[in-house]
């Protein structure tokens, strides 16, 4: 699916950095910087005659920067995935997982560790449920590079977590999810989450929970059914 691959490219361009900037920011800056430089050079030379092809190239550079800004906003708004709900799919019978069970998934959403939070898409992760019935998604972010230029920031490497208590879950929706070349059964979990407080002395006395969404892409229908049945047990 072209759109799913485009969303994955947008994610990798935004989340792989070069000299502290995302690759998408570099692309936008270079495109618009080149357009401004060409225009200034033309003005400083006394507005000499140039062919229509030169003006077309200048307009193309400006348009490329604008298109990337629109693509970046669109992709971020979709969490970089295409999720298609399957409203008519019947839920499986409730069946709680054991605390020792781990179900392999690909997770997309907001994660946290040590008072830090970050967004990831398509991370390999495990779904677990503790004896208290609190659910967790444990994901790992490995080193990666994109286009041979950008790399994942060091502060994003390692284990990341998302925790969901039964009373904070608002909705569980089955469907199919596509991210890049991967597509298959998935669950969308809408829940309320209190973001971690920054460890900078500016903690809020009563932080408010925010509504967030977690996507779990599964290998097959059986894997999705195990997680869904575990949630039904709540």
Protein backbone atom coordinates (compact mmCIF):
# COMPACT_ATOMS: atom_id res chain seq x y z
CA UNK A 1 0.00 0.00 0.00
CA UNK A 2 1.52 3.27 -1.16
CA UNK A 3 0.03 5.38 1.64
CA UNK A 4 1.36 3.02 4.33
CA UNK A 5 4.87 3.14 2.87
CA UNK A 6 4.68 6.92 2.62
CA UNK A 7 3.68 7.14 6.29
CA UNK A 8 6.62 4.93 7.27
CA UNK A 9 9.03 7.13 5.28
CA UNK A 10 7.58 10.23 6.98
CA UNK A 11 8.09 8.59 10.39
CA UNK A 12 11.69 7.62 9.68
CA UNK A 13 12.53 11.04 8.27
CA UNK A 14 11.11 12.72 11.37
CA UNK A 15 12.60 10.34 13.93
CA UNK A 16 16.12 9.90 12.52
CA UNK A 17 18.36 12.85 13.17
CA UNK A 18 21.48 14.43 11.77
CA UNK A 19 23.30 16.97 13.94
CA UNK A 20 20.27 17.22 16.21
CA UNK A 21 17.72 17.84 13.46
CA UNK A 22 15.25 15.37 11.98
CA UNK A 23 15.94 14.48 8.35
CA UNK A 24 12.59 15.95 7.34
CA UNK A 25 13.55 19.28 8.90
CA UNK A 26 16.82 19.18 6.97
CA UNK A 27 14.92 18.52 3.73
CA UNK A 28 12.51 21.40 4.28
CA UNK A 29 15.30 23.79 5.31
CA UNK A 30 17.52 22.88 2.36
CA UNK A 31 14.67 23.16 -0.16
CA UNK A 32 13.53 26.56 1.05
CA UNK A 33 17.09 27.72 1.70
CA UNK A 34 18.06 26.91 -1.87
CA UNK A 35 14.98 28.72 -3.20
CA UNK A 36 15.77 31.85 -1.16
CA UNK A 37 19.45 31.74 -2.19
CA UNK A 38 18.52 31.55 -5.89
CA UNK A 39 16.04 34.41 -5.53
CA UNK A 40 18.54 36.60 -3.65
CA UNK A 41 21.23 35.89 -6.22
CA UNK A 42 18.85 36.94 -8.98
CA UNK A 43 18.01 40.19 -7.14
CA UNK A 44 21.66 41.02 -6.37
CA UNK A 45 22.57 40.58 -10.02
CA UNK A 46 20.04 43.19 -11.04
CA UNK A 47 17.16 40.91 -12.03
CA UNK A 48 18.66 39.55 -15.24
CA UNK A 49 16.47 37.63 -17.66
CA UNK A 50 16.12 33.95 -16.83
CA UNK A 51 14.28 31.22 -18.66
CA UNK A 52 10.94 29.77 -17.62
CA UNK A 53 12.76 26.57 -16.68
CA UNK A 54 14.71 28.40 -13.97
CA UNK A 55 11.52 29.84 -12.51
CA UNK A 56 9.92 26.41 -12.62
CA UNK A 57 12.86 24.96 -10.67
CA UNK A 58 12.57 27.73 -8.09
CA UNK A 59 8.83 27.07 -7.69
CA UNK A 60 9.51 23.33 -7.42
CA UNK A 61 11.91 23.87 -4.52
CA UNK A 62 9.38 26.04 -2.67
CA UNK A 63 6.61 23.53 -3.35
CA UNK A 64 8.75 20.61 -2.16
CA UNK A 65 9.25 22.29 1.22
CA UNK A 66 5.52 23.00 1.53
CA UNK A 67 4.57 19.44 0.57
CA UNK A 68 6.87 18.03 3.24
CA UNK A 69 5.34 20.26 5.90
CA UNK A 70 1.85 19.06 4.91
CA UNK A 71 2.99 15.42 4.75
CA UNK A 72 4.64 15.67 8.16
CA UNK A 73 1.50 17.07 9.78
CA UNK A 74 -0.76 14.51 8.05
CA UNK A 75 1.45 11.57 9.00
CA UNK A 76 1.77 12.66 12.62
CA UNK A 77 -1.99 13.12 12.85
CA UNK A 78 -2.48 9.49 11.78
CA UNK A 79 0.24 8.21 14.16
CA UNK A 80 2.08 7.11 10.98
CA UNK A 81 -0.20 4.08 10.52
CA UNK A 82 -3.34 3.20 8.58
CA UNK A 83 -5.87 1.56 10.88
CA UNK A 84 -9.11 0.22 9.42
CA UNK A 85 -11.71 -0.75 12.06
CA UNK A 86 -13.63 -4.02 11.78
CA UNK A 87 -16.78 -3.01 13.62
CA UNK A 88 -18.68 -6.23 12.93
CA UNK A 89 -16.05 -8.54 14.40
CA UNK A 90 -17.31 -10.42 17.47
CA UNK A 91 -15.20 -10.24 20.62
CA UNK A 92 -13.73 -13.53 21.88
CA UNK A 93 -14.74 -15.02 25.23
CA UNK A 94 -12.95 -13.47 28.20
CA UNK A 95 -9.73 -15.30 29.07
CA UNK A 96 -7.17 -13.65 31.32
CA UNK A 97 -3.51 -14.11 30.55
CA UNK A 98 -1.18 -15.40 33.23
CA UNK A 99 1.38 -12.94 34.66
CA UNK A 100 4.12 -15.04 33.07
CA UNK A 101 2.61 -14.82 29.57
CA UNK A 102 4.20 -12.54 26.99
CA UNK A 103 2.51 -11.87 23.65
CA UNK A 104 4.70 -10.52 20.84
CA UNK A 105 3.29 -7.49 18.97
CA UNK A 106 4.36 -4.42 17.03
CA UNK A 107 3.35 -1.36 19.05
CA UNK A 108 2.67 2.24 18.04
CA UNK A 109 1.98 4.98 20.55
CA UNK A 110 3.42 6.97 23.43
CA UNK A 111 5.85 5.25 25.79
CA UNK A 112 7.75 6.35 28.84
CA UNK A 113 10.73 5.54 31.02
CA UNK A 114 12.31 7.41 33.95
CA UNK A 115 10.11 10.54 33.68
CA UNK A 116 10.68 10.72 29.92
CA UNK A 117 8.13 10.10 27.20
CA UNK A 118 8.48 9.50 23.48
CA UNK A 119 6.40 8.39 20.51
CA UNK A 120 7.34 5.30 18.52
CA UNK A 121 5.78 3.45 15.59
CA UNK A 122 6.14 -0.21 14.74
CA UNK A 123 8.37 -1.15 17.69
CA UNK A 124 8.74 -4.80 18.60
CA UNK A 125 7.06 -5.21 21.98
CA UNK A 126 5.45 -7.62 24.42
CA UNK A 127 1.96 -7.41 25.89
CA UNK A 128 1.82 -8.54 29.51
CA UNK A 129 -0.76 -8.52 32.28
CA UNK A 130 0.22 -8.58 35.95
CA UNK A 131 -1.64 -10.26 38.80
CA UNK A 132 -3.14 -6.85 39.68
CA UNK A 133 -4.70 -6.82 36.16
CA UNK A 134 -2.57 -3.84 35.14
CA UNK A 135 -1.48 -4.26 31.53
CA UNK A 136 1.88 -3.28 30.14
CA UNK A 137 3.46 -3.00 26.73
CA UNK A 138 7.21 -3.40 26.92
CA UNK A 139 8.96 -2.19 23.77
CA UNK A 140 12.60 -1.89 22.78
CA UNK A 141 14.11 0.74 20.50
CA UNK A 142 17.26 -0.47 18.76
CA UNK A 143 19.91 1.56 17.00
CA UNK A 144 18.90 2.32 13.42
CA UNK A 145 19.92 4.47 10.51
CA UNK A 146 17.97 5.87 7.57
CA UNK A 147 19.30 6.84 4.15
CA UNK A 148 22.82 6.43 5.55
CA UNK A 149 22.56 9.89 7.12
CA UNK A 150 20.23 10.02 10.09
CA UNK A 151 20.24 7.84 13.19
CA UNK A 152 17.93 7.28 16.12
CA UNK A 153 18.95 9.57 19.03
CA UNK A 154 20.87 7.87 21.82
CA UNK A 155 18.32 9.02 24.41
CA UNK A 156 15.62 7.01 22.62
CA UNK A 157 17.47 3.69 22.69
CA UNK A 158 16.55 0.91 25.10
CA UNK A 159 13.39 -0.27 26.82
CA UNK A 160 10.19 1.80 26.86
CA UNK A 161 6.88 1.09 28.57
CA UNK A 162 3.17 1.83 28.38
CA UNK A 163 0.93 0.92 31.34
CA UNK A 164 -2.85 0.56 31.20
CA UNK A 165 -5.13 -0.08 34.15
CA UNK A 166 -8.60 -1.52 33.42
CA UNK A 167 -10.41 1.57 34.73
CA UNK A 168 -8.46 3.86 32.36
CA UNK A 169 -9.38 1.96 29.16
CA UNK A 170 -12.18 3.67 27.24
CA UNK A 171 -12.45 1.52 24.10
CA UNK A 172 -10.90 -1.47 22.36
CA UNK A 173 -11.41 -1.62 18.60
CA UNK A 174 -10.36 -4.53 16.37
CA UNK A 175 -9.18 -3.84 12.87
CA UNK A 176 -6.34 -4.12 10.42
CA UNK A 177 -3.22 -1.99 10.56
CA UNK A 178 -0.67 -1.13 7.89
CA UNK A 179 2.73 0.41 8.55
CA UNK A 180 5.18 0.38 5.70
CA UNK A 181 5.20 -3.06 4.09
CA UNK A 182 3.59 -4.73 7.12
CA UNK A 183 -0.16 -5.23 7.30
CA UNK A 184 -2.34 -7.47 9.43
CA UNK A 185 -4.79 -7.80 12.31
CA UNK A 186 -4.54 -5.23 15.09
CA UNK A 187 -6.20 -3.65 18.11
CA UNK A 188 -6.65 0.04 18.81
CA UNK A 189 -6.82 0.79 22.53
CA UNK A 190 -8.05 4.22 23.64
CA UNK A 191 -7.18 4.97 27.24
CA UNK A 192 -6.53 7.78 29.70
CA UNK A 193 -2.96 8.32 30.76
CA UNK A 194 -1.19 10.76 33.06
CA UNK A 195 2.07 11.82 31.38
CA UNK A 196 5.24 11.56 33.49
CA UNK A 197 6.20 14.74 35.30
CA UNK A 198 9.48 16.35 34.19
CA UNK A 199 12.29 15.98 36.68
CA UNK A 200 13.20 19.68 36.52
CA UNK A 201 11.57 21.09 39.64
CA UNK A 202 8.45 22.22 37.76
CA UNK A 203 6.13 19.37 38.68
CA UNK A 204 2.40 20.05 38.67
CA UNK A 205 0.49 19.43 41.88
CA UNK A 206 -2.41 17.69 40.12
CA UNK A 207 -1.45 16.56 36.59
CA UNK A 208 -4.46 15.82 34.42
CA UNK A 209 -4.77 12.56 32.47
CA UNK A 210 -4.94 12.81 28.70
CA UNK A 211 -6.69 10.54 26.23
CA UNK A 212 -4.24 8.62 24.12
CA UNK A 213 -4.29 5.72 21.68
CA UNK A 214 -2.13 2.62 21.48
CA UNK A 215 -2.01 0.42 18.37
CA UNK A 216 -1.03 -3.25 18.66
CA UNK A 217 -0.23 -4.95 15.34
CA UNK A 218 -0.39 -8.74 15.64
CA UNK A 219 1.11 -11.58 13.62
CA UNK A 220 -2.24 -13.33 13.16
CA UNK A 221 -5.86 -13.44 14.30
CA UNK A 222 -5.04 -15.88 17.10
CA UNK A 223 -2.52 -13.47 18.64
CA UNK A 224 -5.01 -10.61 18.47
CA UNK A 225 -7.68 -12.81 20.04
CA UNK A 226 -5.41 -13.63 23.01
CA UNK A 227 -4.88 -9.94 23.83
CA UNK A 228 -8.50 -9.04 23.16
CA UNK A 229 -9.74 -11.89 25.38
CA UNK A 230 -7.37 -10.72 28.12
CA UNK A 231 -8.89 -7.23 27.93
CA UNK A 232 -12.40 -8.71 27.97
CA UNK A 233 -11.52 -10.36 31.29
CA UNK A 234 -11.44 -6.89 32.87
